[in-house]
PDB file of N, CA and C in Angstrom:
ATOM      1  N   MET A   1      -7.850 -27.703  10.701  1.00  0.00           N
ATOM      2  CA  MET A   1      -6.893 -27.025  10.013  1.00  0.00           C
ATOM      3  C   MET A   1      -7.304 -26.243   8.513  1.00  0.00           C
ATOM      4  N   LYS A   2      -7.071 -25.195   8.479  1.00  0.00           N
ATOM      5  CA  LYS A   2      -7.643 -24.516   7.200  1.00  0.00           C
ATOM      6  C   LYS A   2      -6.589 -24.788   6.054  1.00  0.00           C
ATOM      7  N   ILE A   3      -7.096 -25.005   4.757  1.00  0.00           N
ATOM      8  CA  ILE A   3      -6.519 -25.225   3.570  1.00  0.00           C
ATOM      9  C   ILE A   3      -6.407 -23.982   2.676  1.00  0.00           C
ATOM     10  N   TYR A   4      -5.493 -23.597   2.014  1.00  0.00           N
ATOM     11  CA  TYR A   4      -5.328 -22.777   1.115  1.00  0.00           C
ATOM     12  C   TYR A   4      -4.892 -23.125  -0.209  1.00  0.00           C
ATOM     13  N   TYR A   5      -5.264 -22.608  -1.335  1.00  0.00           N
ATOM     14  CA  TYR A   5      -5.098 -23.050  -2.529  1.00  0.00           C
ATOM     15  C   TYR A   5      -4.428 -21.807  -3.383  1.00  0.00           C
ATOM     16  N   VAL A   6      -3.404 -22.378  -3.960  1.00  0.00           N
ATOM     17  CA  VAL A   6      -2.735 -21.693  -5.071  1.00  0.00           C
ATOM     18  C   VAL A   6      -3.007 -22.364  -6.369  1.00  0.00           C
ATOM     19  N   TYR A   7      -3.805 -21.444  -7.219  1.00  0.00           N
ATOM     20  CA  TYR A   7      -4.138 -22.189  -8.523  1.00  0.00           C
ATOM     21  C   TYR A   7      -3.697 -21.186  -9.895  1.00  0.00           C
ATOM     22  N   ILE A   8      -4.030 -22.033 -10.990  1.00  0.00           N
ATOM     23  CA  ILE A   8      -3.673 -21.406 -12.120  1.00  0.00           C
ATOM     24  C   ILE A   8      -4.809 -21.554 -13.153  1.00  0.00           C
ATOM     25  N   LEU A   9      -5.530 -20.616 -13.693  1.00  0.00           N
ATOM     26  CA  LEU A   9      -6.426 -20.840 -14.530  1.00  0.00           C
ATOM     27  C   LEU A   9      -6.143 -20.564 -16.131  1.00  0.00           C
ATOM     28  N   TYR A  10      -6.385 -21.364 -17.156  1.00  0.00           N
ATOM     29  CA  TYR A  10      -6.330 -21.116 -18.392  1.00  0.00           C
ATOM     30  C   TYR A  10      -7.395 -20.397 -18.993  1.00  0.00           C
ATOM     31  N   CYS A  11      -7.282 -19.125 -19.501  1.00  0.00           N
ATOM     32  CA  CYS A  11      -8.192 -18.305 -20.173  1.00  0.00           C
ATOM     33  C   CYS A  11      -8.403 -18.583 -21.538  1.00  0.00           C
ATOM     34  N   SER A  12      -9.478 -18.177 -22.031  1.00  0.00           N
ATOM     35  CA  SER A  12     -10.028 -18.425 -23.270  1.00  0.00           C
ATOM     36  C   SER A  12      -9.130 -17.311 -24.393  1.00  0.00           C
ATOM     37  N   ASP A  13      -8.269 -16.395 -23.884  1.00  0.00           N
ATOM     38  CA  ASP A  13      -7.235 -16.060 -24.802  1.00  0.00           C
ATOM     39  C   ASP A  13      -5.908 -16.687 -24.745  1.00  0.00           C
ATOM     40  N   LYS A  14      -5.826 -17.642 -24.083  1.00  0.00           N
ATOM     41  CA  LYS A  14      -4.585 -18.646 -23.893  1.00  0.00           C
ATOM     42  C   LYS A  14      -3.722 -17.885 -22.976  1.00  0.00           C
ATOM     43  N   THR A  15      -4.048 -17.088 -22.134  1.00  0.00           N
ATOM     44  CA  THR A  15      -3.306 -16.546 -21.173  1.00  0.00           C
ATOM     45  C   THR A  15      -3.514 -17.280 -19.760  1.00  0.00           C
ATOM     46  N   TYR A  16      -2.749 -17.018 -18.821  1.00  0.00           N
ATOM     47  CA  TYR A  16      -2.504 -17.723 -17.514  1.00  0.00           C
ATOM     48  C   TYR A  16      -3.050 -16.521 -16.423  1.00  0.00           C
ATOM     49  N   TYR A  17      -3.842 -17.172 -15.548  1.00  0.00           N
ATOM     50  CA  TYR A  17      -4.224 -16.196 -14.132  1.00  0.00           C
ATOM     51  C   TYR A  17      -3.722 -16.936 -12.885  1.00  0.00           C
ATOM     52  N   THR A  18      -3.183 -16.387 -12.209  1.00  0.00           N
ATOM     53  CA  THR A  18      -2.881 -17.182 -10.984  1.00  0.00           C
ATOM     54  C   THR A  18      -3.350 -16.507  -9.676  1.00  0.00           C
ATOM     55  N   GLY A  19      -3.724 -17.245  -8.864  1.00  0.00           N
ATOM     56  CA  GLY A  19      -4.633 -16.746  -7.871  1.00  0.00           C
ATOM     57  C   GLY A  19      -4.256 -17.462  -6.427  1.00  0.00           C
ATOM     58  N   ILE A  20      -5.103 -17.250  -5.381  1.00  0.00           N
ATOM     59  CA  ILE A  20      -4.974 -17.907  -4.277  1.00  0.00           C
ATOM     60  C   ILE A  20      -6.442 -17.646  -3.374  1.00  0.00           C
ATOM     61  N   THR A  21      -6.920 -19.029  -2.687  1.00  0.00           N
ATOM     62  CA  THR A  21      -8.401 -18.879  -2.027  1.00  0.00           C
ATOM     63  C   THR A  21      -8.055 -19.975  -0.987  1.00  0.00           C
ATOM     64  N   SER A  22      -9.056 -19.806  -0.292  1.00  0.00           N
ATOM     65  CA  SER A  22      -9.326 -20.979   0.839  1.00  0.00           C
ATOM     66  C   SER A  22     -10.570 -21.796   0.419  1.00  0.00           C
ATOM     67  N   ASN A  23     -11.334 -21.474  -0.715  1.00  0.00           N
ATOM     68  CA  ASN A  23     -12.348 -22.244  -1.217  1.00  0.00           C
ATOM     69  C   ASN A  23     -12.191 -22.365  -2.935  1.00  0.00           C
ATOM     70  N   LEU A  24     -11.693 -23.221  -3.486  1.00  0.00           N
ATOM     71  CA  LEU A  24     -11.033 -23.436  -4.891  1.00  0.00           C
ATOM     72  C   LEU A  24     -12.394 -23.510  -5.597  1.00  0.00           C
ATOM     73  N   THR A  25     -13.391 -24.439  -5.121  1.00  0.00           N
ATOM     74  CA  THR A  25     -14.559 -24.529  -5.911  1.00  0.00           C
ATOM     75  C   THR A  25     -15.302 -23.108  -5.986  1.00  0.00           C
ATOM     76  N   GLN A  26     -15.700 -22.554  -4.881  1.00  0.00           N
ATOM     77  CA  GLN A  26     -16.245 -21.513  -5.101  1.00  0.00           C
ATOM     78  C   GLN A  26     -15.686 -20.199  -5.711  1.00  0.00           C
ATOM     79  N   ARG A  27     -14.232 -20.124  -5.621  1.00  0.00           N
ATOM     80  CA  ARG A  27     -13.481 -19.070  -6.428  1.00  0.00           C
ATOM     81  C   ARG A  27     -13.502 -19.273  -7.747  1.00  0.00           C
ATOM     82  N   PHE A  28     -13.630 -20.587  -8.094  1.00  0.00           N
ATOM     83  CA  PHE A  28     -13.717 -20.830  -9.525  1.00  0.00           C
ATOM     84  C   PHE A  28     -14.996 -20.532 -10.230  1.00  0.00           C
ATOM     85  N   VAL A  29     -15.912 -20.782  -9.516  1.00  0.00           N
ATOM     86  CA  VAL A  29     -17.443 -20.497  -9.709  1.00  0.00           C
ATOM     87  C   VAL A  29     -17.506 -18.927  -9.897  1.00  0.00           C
ATOM     88  N   ASP A  30     -17.021 -18.077  -9.065  1.00  0.00           N
ATOM     89  CA  ASP A  30     -17.132 -16.729  -9.003  1.00  0.00           C
ATOM     90  C   ASP A  30     -16.321 -16.305 -10.267  1.00  0.00           C
ATOM     91  N   HIS A  31     -15.235 -16.764 -10.842  1.00  0.00           N
ATOM     92  CA  HIS A  31     -14.466 -16.341 -11.742  1.00  0.00           C
ATOM     93  C   HIS A  31     -15.304 -16.767 -12.960  1.00  0.00           C
ATOM     94  N   GLN A  32     -15.861 -17.947 -13.199  1.00  0.00           N
ATOM     95  CA  GLN A  32     -16.607 -18.191 -14.123  1.00  0.00           C
ATOM     96  C   GLN A  32     -17.999 -17.393 -14.503  1.00  0.00           C
ATOM     97  N   ARG A  33     -18.416 -17.044 -13.350  1.00  0.00           N
ATOM     98  CA  ARG A  33     -19.658 -16.354 -13.579  1.00  0.00           C
ATOM     99  C   ARG A  33     -19.428 -14.740 -13.790  1.00  0.00           C
ATOM    100  N   GLY A  34     -18.258 -14.234 -13.586  1.00  0.00           N
ATOM    101  CA  GLY A  34     -17.871 -13.023 -13.681  1.00  0.00           C
ATOM    102  C   GLY A  34     -18.369 -12.238 -12.865  1.00  0.00           C
ATOM    103  N   MET A  35     -17.991 -12.471 -11.704  1.00  0.00           N
ATOM    104  CA  MET A  35     -18.495 -11.732 -10.460  1.00  0.00           C
ATOM    105  C   MET A  35     -18.107 -10.237 -10.239  1.00  0.00           C
ATOM    106  N   ASN A  36     -16.866  -9.898 -10.758  1.00  0.00           N
ATOM    107  CA  ASN A  36     -16.080  -8.667 -10.833  1.00  0.00           C
ATOM    108  C   ASN A  36     -15.745  -8.251 -12.151  1.00  0.00           C
ATOM    109  N   LYS A  37     -16.489  -7.314 -12.643  1.00  0.00           N
ATOM    110  CA  LYS A  37     -16.340  -6.916 -13.988  1.00  0.00           C
ATOM    111  C   LYS A  37     -14.945  -6.195 -14.375  1.00  0.00           C
ATOM    112  N   ASN A  38     -14.115  -5.786 -13.270  1.00  0.00           N
ATOM    113  CA  ASN A  38     -12.772  -5.427 -13.325  1.00  0.00           C
ATOM    114  C   ASN A  38     -11.688  -6.293 -13.318  1.00  0.00           C
ATOM    115  N   SER A  39     -12.037  -7.475 -12.954  1.00  0.00           N
ATOM    116  CA  SER A  39     -11.058  -8.629 -12.737  1.00  0.00           C
ATOM    117  C   SER A  39     -10.276  -8.994 -14.245  1.00  0.00           C
ATOM    118  N   TYR A  40      -9.182  -9.452 -14.121  1.00  0.00           N
ATOM    119  CA  TYR A  40      -8.391  -9.872 -15.227  1.00  0.00           C
ATOM    120  C   TYR A  40      -9.385 -10.981 -15.817  1.00  0.00           C
ATOM    121  N   THR A  41     -10.028 -11.838 -15.468  1.00  0.00           N
ATOM    122  CA  THR A  41     -10.553 -13.003 -16.097  1.00  0.00           C
ATOM    123  C   THR A  41     -11.855 -12.927 -16.528  1.00  0.00           C
ATOM    124  N   TYR A  42     -12.456 -11.585 -16.288  1.00  0.00           N
ATOM    125  CA  TYR A  42     -13.763 -11.323 -16.475  1.00  0.00           C
ATOM    126  C   TYR A  42     -14.008 -11.378 -18.086  1.00  0.00           C
ATOM    127  N   SER A  43     -13.351 -10.703 -18.782  1.00  0.00           N
ATOM    128  CA  SER A  43     -13.456 -10.864 -20.346  1.00  0.00           C
ATOM    129  C   SER A  43     -12.610 -12.155 -20.923  1.00  0.00           C
ATOM    130  N   ARG A  44     -12.127 -12.887 -20.126  1.00  0.00           N
ATOM    131  CA  ARG A  44     -11.234 -13.803 -20.845  1.00  0.00           C
ATOM    132  C   ARG A  44     -12.025 -15.311 -20.297  1.00  0.00           C
ATOM    133  N   ARG A  45     -13.315 -15.287 -20.115  1.00  0.00           N
ATOM    134  CA  ARG A  45     -14.044 -16.752 -19.743  1.00  0.00           C
ATOM    135  C   ARG A  45     -14.344 -17.207 -21.192  1.00  0.00           C
ATOM    136  N   PRO A  46     -14.687 -18.441 -21.281  1.00  0.00           N
ATOM    137  CA  PRO A  46     -14.473 -19.490 -20.432  1.00  0.00           C
ATOM    138  C   PRO A  46     -13.189 -19.708 -19.614  1.00  0.00           C
ATOM    139  N   LEU A  47     -13.046 -20.207 -18.497  1.00  0.00           N
ATOM    140  CA  LEU A  47     -11.806 -20.748 -18.066  1.00  0.00           C
ATOM    141  C   LEU A  47     -11.539 -22.091 -17.692  1.00  0.00           C
ATOM    142  N   LYS A  48     -10.441 -22.615 -17.256  1.00  0.00           N
ATOM    143  CA  LYS A  48     -10.158 -23.987 -16.818  1.00  0.00           C
ATOM    144  C   LYS A  48      -9.173 -23.883 -15.951  1.00  0.00           C
ATOM    145  N   ILE A  49      -9.309 -24.759 -14.825  1.00  0.00           N
ATOM    146  CA  ILE A  49      -8.309 -24.806 -13.846  1.00  0.00           C
ATOM    147  C   ILE A  49      -7.446 -25.887 -14.311  1.00  0.00           C
ATOM    148  N   VAL A  50      -6.091 -25.353 -14.556  1.00  0.00           N
ATOM    149  CA  VAL A  50      -5.086 -26.397 -15.105  1.00  0.00           C
ATOM    150  C   VAL A  50      -4.091 -26.558 -14.033  1.00  0.00           C
ATOM    151  N   PHE A  51      -4.069 -26.111 -12.699  1.00  0.00           N
ATOM    152  CA  PHE A  51      -2.964 -26.496 -11.844  1.00  0.00           C
ATOM    153  C   PHE A  51      -3.651 -25.803 -10.490  1.00  0.00           C
ATOM    154  N   PHE A  52      -3.501 -26.759  -9.382  1.00  0.00           N
ATOM    155  CA  PHE A  52      -3.618 -26.169  -7.934  1.00  0.00           C
ATOM    156  C   PHE A  52      -2.916 -26.723  -7.222  1.00  0.00           C
ATOM    157  N   CYS A  53      -2.382 -26.203  -5.944  1.00  0.00           N
ATOM    158  CA  CYS A  53      -1.819 -26.853  -4.759  1.00  0.00           C
ATOM    159  C   CYS A  53      -2.271 -26.450  -3.619  1.00  0.00           C
ATOM    160  N   GLU A  54      -2.128 -27.363  -2.368  1.00  0.00           N
ATOM    161  CA  GLU A  54      -2.606 -27.015  -1.108  1.00  0.00           C
ATOM    162  C   GLU A  54      -1.622 -26.585  -0.225  1.00  0.00           C
ATOM    163  N   PHE A  55      -1.861 -25.562   0.630  1.00  0.00           N
ATOM    164  CA  PHE A  55      -1.171 -25.041   1.707  1.00  0.00           C
ATOM    165  C   PHE A  55      -1.885 -25.090   3.036  1.00  0.00           C
ATOM    166  N   THR A  56      -1.198 -25.426   4.129  1.00  0.00           N
ATOM    167  CA  THR A  56      -1.832 -25.093   5.500  1.00  0.00           C
ATOM    168  C   THR A  56      -1.340 -23.975   6.035  1.00  0.00           C
ATOM    169  N   ASP A  57      -0.370 -23.241   5.596  1.00  0.00           N
ATOM    170  CA  ASP A  57       0.229 -22.104   5.726  1.00  0.00           C
ATOM    171  C   ASP A  57      -0.067 -21.086   4.945  1.00  0.00           C
ATOM    172  N   VAL A  58      -0.947 -19.903   5.327  1.00  0.00           N
ATOM    173  CA  VAL A  58      -1.427 -18.957   4.285  1.00  0.00           C
ATOM    174  C   VAL A  58      -0.213 -18.091   3.971  1.00  0.00           C
ATOM    175  N   ASN A  59       0.856 -17.944   4.736  1.00  0.00           N
ATOM    176  CA  ASN A  59       1.979 -17.018   4.468  1.00  0.00           C
ATOM    177  C   ASN A  59       2.602 -17.813   3.356  1.00  0.00           C
ATOM    178  N   LEU A  60       3.035 -19.033   3.349  1.00  0.00           N
ATOM    179  CA  LEU A  60       3.671 -19.875   2.134  1.00  0.00           C
ATOM    180  C   LEU A  60       2.964 -19.834   0.997  1.00  0.00           C
ATOM    181  N   ALA A  61       1.436 -20.056   1.100  1.00  0.00           N
ATOM    182  CA  ALA A  61       0.737 -19.773  -0.011  1.00  0.00           C
ATOM    183  C   ALA A  61       0.715 -18.643  -0.663  1.00  0.00           C
ATOM    184  N   ILE A  62       0.788 -17.548  -0.213  1.00  0.00           N
ATOM    185  CA  ILE A  62       0.824 -16.066  -0.823  1.00  0.00           C
ATOM    186  C   ILE A  62       2.276 -15.895  -1.425  1.00  0.00           C
ATOM    187  N   LEU A  63       3.222 -16.433  -0.801  1.00  0.00           N
ATOM    188  CA  LEU A  63       4.623 -16.500  -1.213  1.00  0.00           C
ATOM    189  C   LEU A  63       4.570 -17.136  -2.538  1.00  0.00           C
ATOM    190  N   SER A  64       4.037 -18.169  -2.549  1.00  0.00           N
ATOM    191  CA  SER A  64       3.939 -19.265  -3.806  1.00  0.00           C
ATOM    192  C   SER A  64       3.160 -18.405  -4.912  1.00  0.00           C
ATOM    193  N   GLU A  65       1.944 -18.106  -4.446  1.00  0.00           N
ATOM    194  CA  GLU A  65       1.228 -17.369  -5.507  1.00  0.00           C
ATOM    195  C   GLU A  65       2.007 -15.995  -6.253  1.00  0.00           C
ATOM    196  N   LYS A  66       3.003 -15.225  -5.389  1.00  0.00           N
ATOM    197  CA  LYS A  66       3.724 -14.241  -5.743  1.00  0.00           C
ATOM    198  C   LYS A  66       4.737 -14.584  -6.885  1.00  0.00           C
ATOM    199  N   GLN A  67       5.331 -15.699  -6.410  1.00  0.00           N
ATOM    200  CA  GLN A  67       6.604 -16.334  -7.190  1.00  0.00           C
ATOM    201  C   GLN A  67       6.025 -16.748  -8.608  1.00  0.00           C
ATOM    202  N   ILE A  68       4.976 -17.461  -8.523  1.00  0.00           N
ATOM    203  CA  ILE A  68       4.505 -18.051  -9.746  1.00  0.00           C
ATOM    204  C   ILE A  68       3.948 -16.915 -10.669  1.00  0.00           C
ATOM    205  N   LYS A  69       3.353 -15.860 -10.272  1.00  0.00           N
ATOM    206  CA  LYS A  69       2.872 -14.814 -10.957  1.00  0.00           C
ATOM    207  C   LYS A  69       4.020 -14.099 -11.716  1.00  0.00           C
ATOM    208  N   LYS A  70       5.325 -14.201 -11.212  1.00  0.00           N
ATOM    209  CA  LYS A  70       6.618 -13.762 -11.858  1.00  0.00           C
ATOM    210  C   LYS A  70       7.117 -14.583 -13.016  1.00  0.00           C
ATOM    211  N   TRP A  71       6.570 -15.672 -12.948  1.00  0.00           N
ATOM    212  CA  TRP A  71       7.275 -16.601 -13.946  1.00  0.00           C
ATOM    213  C   TRP A  71       6.902 -16.643 -15.327  1.00  0.00           C
ATOM    214  N   SER A  72       7.770 -17.065 -16.292  1.00  0.00           N
ATOM    215  CA  SER A  72       7.323 -16.951 -17.508  1.00  0.00           C
ATOM    216  C   SER A  72       6.289 -17.829 -17.925  1.00  0.00           C
ATOM    217  N   ARG A  73       5.718 -17.757 -19.172  1.00  0.00           N
ATOM    218  CA  ARG A  73       4.479 -18.712 -19.644  1.00  0.00           C
ATOM    219  C   ARG A  73       5.308 -20.277 -19.687  1.00  0.00           C
ATOM    220  N   VAL A  74       6.596 -20.225 -20.082  1.00  0.00           N
ATOM    221  CA  VAL A  74       7.043 -21.480 -20.480  1.00  0.00           C
ATOM    222  C   VAL A  74       7.374 -21.998 -18.960  1.00  0.00           C
ATOM    223  N   LYS A  75       7.584 -21.678 -18.111  1.00  0.00           N
ATOM    224  CA  LYS A  75       7.951 -22.098 -16.653  1.00  0.00           C
ATOM    225  C   LYS A  75       6.346 -22.335 -15.982  1.00  0.00           C
ATOM    226  N   LYS A  76       5.512 -21.623 -16.357  1.00  0.00           N
ATOM    227  CA  LYS A  76       4.042 -22.133 -15.801  1.00  0.00           C
ATOM    228  C   LYS A  76       3.699 -23.299 -16.605  1.00  0.00           C
ATOM    229  N   LYS A  77       3.997 -23.432 -17.798  1.00  0.00           N
ATOM    230  CA  LYS A  77       3.316 -24.709 -18.461  1.00  0.00           C
ATOM    231  C   LYS A  77       4.310 -25.778 -18.020  1.00  0.00           C
ATOM    232  N   ALA A  78       5.590 -25.733 -17.759  1.00  0.00           N
ATOM    233  CA  ALA A  78       6.243 -26.789 -16.960  1.00  0.00           C
ATOM    234  C   ALA A  78       5.615 -27.231 -15.694  1.00  0.00           C
ATOM    235  N   LEU A  79       5.216 -26.313 -14.941  1.00  0.00           N
ATOM    236  CA  LEU A  79       4.482 -26.435 -13.565  1.00  0.00           C
ATOM    237  C   LEU A  79       3.343 -27.318 -13.833  1.00  0.00           C
ATOM    238  N   ILE A  80       2.714 -26.846 -14.764  1.00  0.00           N
ATOM    239  CA  ILE A  80       1.203 -27.287 -14.980  1.00  0.00           C
ATOM    240  C   ILE A  80       1.444 -28.894 -15.427  1.00  0.00           C
ATOM    241  N   ASN A  81       2.418 -29.180 -16.351  1.00  0.00           N
ATOM    242  CA  ASN A  81       2.571 -30.333 -16.750  1.00  0.00           C
ATOM    243  C   ASN A  81       3.461 -31.087 -15.965  1.00  0.00           C
ATOM    244  N   ASN A  82       3.593 -30.953 -14.535  1.00  0.00           N
ATOM    245  CA  ASN A  82       4.359 -31.667 -13.768  1.00  0.00           C
ATOM    246  C   ASN A  82       5.752 -31.885 -14.082  1.00  0.00           C
ATOM    247  N   GLN A  83       6.622 -31.020 -15.031  1.00  0.00           N
ATOM    248  CA  GLN A  83       7.773 -31.351 -15.286  1.00  0.00           C
ATOM    249  C   GLN A  83       8.542 -30.409 -14.482  1.00  0.00           C
ATOM    250  N   TYR A  84       8.761 -30.863 -13.028  1.00  0.00           N
ATOM    251  CA  TYR A  84       9.437 -30.059 -12.010  1.00  0.00           C
ATOM    252  C   TYR A  84      10.817 -30.233 -12.357  1.00  0.00           C
ATOM    253  N   GLU A  85      11.210 -31.073 -12.861  1.00  0.00           N
ATOM    254  CA  GLU A  85      12.789 -31.101 -13.112  1.00  0.00           C
ATOM    255  C   GLU A  85      13.272 -29.917 -14.122  1.00  0.00           C
ATOM    256  N   LYS A  86      12.267 -29.360 -14.668  1.00  0.00           N
ATOM    257  CA  LYS A  86      12.717 -28.316 -15.829  1.00  0.00           C
ATOM    258  C   LYS A  86      12.747 -26.886 -15.044  1.00  0.00           C
ATOM    259  N   LEU A  87      12.090 -27.017 -13.918  1.00  0.00           N
ATOM    260  CA  LEU A  87      11.992 -25.477 -13.305  1.00  0.00           C
ATOM    261  C   LEU A  87      13.130 -24.928 -13.028  1.00  0.00           C
ATOM    262  N   PRO A  88      14.308 -25.397 -12.412  1.00  0.00           N
ATOM    263  CA  PRO A  88      15.475 -24.680 -12.065  1.00  0.00           C
ATOM    264  C   PRO A  88      15.960 -23.960 -13.532  1.00  0.00           C
ATOM    265  N   ASN A  89      16.264 -24.806 -14.579  1.00  0.00           N
ATOM    266  CA  ASN A  89      16.858 -24.246 -15.790  1.00  0.00           C
ATOM    267  C   ASN A  89      16.045 -23.304 -16.357  1.00  0.00           C
ATOM    268  N   LEU A  90      14.604 -23.348 -16.371  1.00  0.00           N
ATOM    269  CA  LEU A  90      13.615 -22.146 -16.983  1.00  0.00           C
ATOM    270  C   LEU A  90      13.873 -21.005 -16.192  1.00  0.00           C
ATOM    271  N   ALA A  91      14.385 -21.147 -14.793  1.00  0.00           N
ATOM    272  CA  ALA A  91      14.734 -19.712 -14.002  1.00  0.00           C
ATOM    273  C   ALA A  91      15.729 -19.108 -14.637  1.00  0.00           C
ATOM    274  N   LYS A  92      16.599 -19.660 -15.345  1.00  0.00           N
ATOM    275  CA  LYS A  92      17.948 -19.042 -15.705  1.00  0.00           C
ATOM    276  C   LYS A  92      17.808 -18.622 -17.142  1.00  0.00           C
ATOM    277  N   LYS A  93      17.018 -19.171 -18.209  1.00  0.00           N
ATOM    278  CA  LYS A  93      16.836 -18.751 -19.278  1.00  0.00           C
ATOM    279  C   LYS A  93      15.805 -17.771 -19.811  1.00  0.00           C
ATOM    280  N   LYS A  94      16.147 -17.075 -20.548  1.00  0.00           N
ATOM    281  CA  LYS A  94      14.939 -16.254 -21.203  1.00  0.00           C
ATOM    282  C   LYS A  94      13.972 -16.729 -22.301  1.00  0.00           C
ATOM    283  N   PHE A  95      12.815 -16.797 -22.264  1.00  0.00           N
ATOM    284  CA  PHE A  95      12.022 -16.962 -23.358  1.00  0.00           C
ATOM    285  C   PHE A  95      10.887 -16.260 -23.643  1.00  0.00           C
ATOM    286  N   LYS A  96      10.536 -16.197 -25.166  1.00  0.00           N
ATOM    287  CA  LYS A  96       9.612 -15.177 -25.520  1.00  0.00           C
ATOM    288  C   LYS A  96       8.461 -15.888 -25.364  1.00  0.00           C
TER     289      LYS A  96
END
């Protein structure tokens, strides 16, 4: 059974990058090495993996990645800090 990962990277400019992969270790190495000069993370290295979750269904992984990408910074931080109880309320409020 193939495993897919949705992950969040913390960038050197204090932003977050969310992605999906089937090989988390290799994908992180690629980000750190700057394999693609046009990528979001290229000029924001060094990076740190601050969150990841595993999926066996690629479609569910893709949906989760797209959902997280739309979240506010505050909501992403709650996810990263395992503060799941805060997620519903953060969806209803606007934060700067």
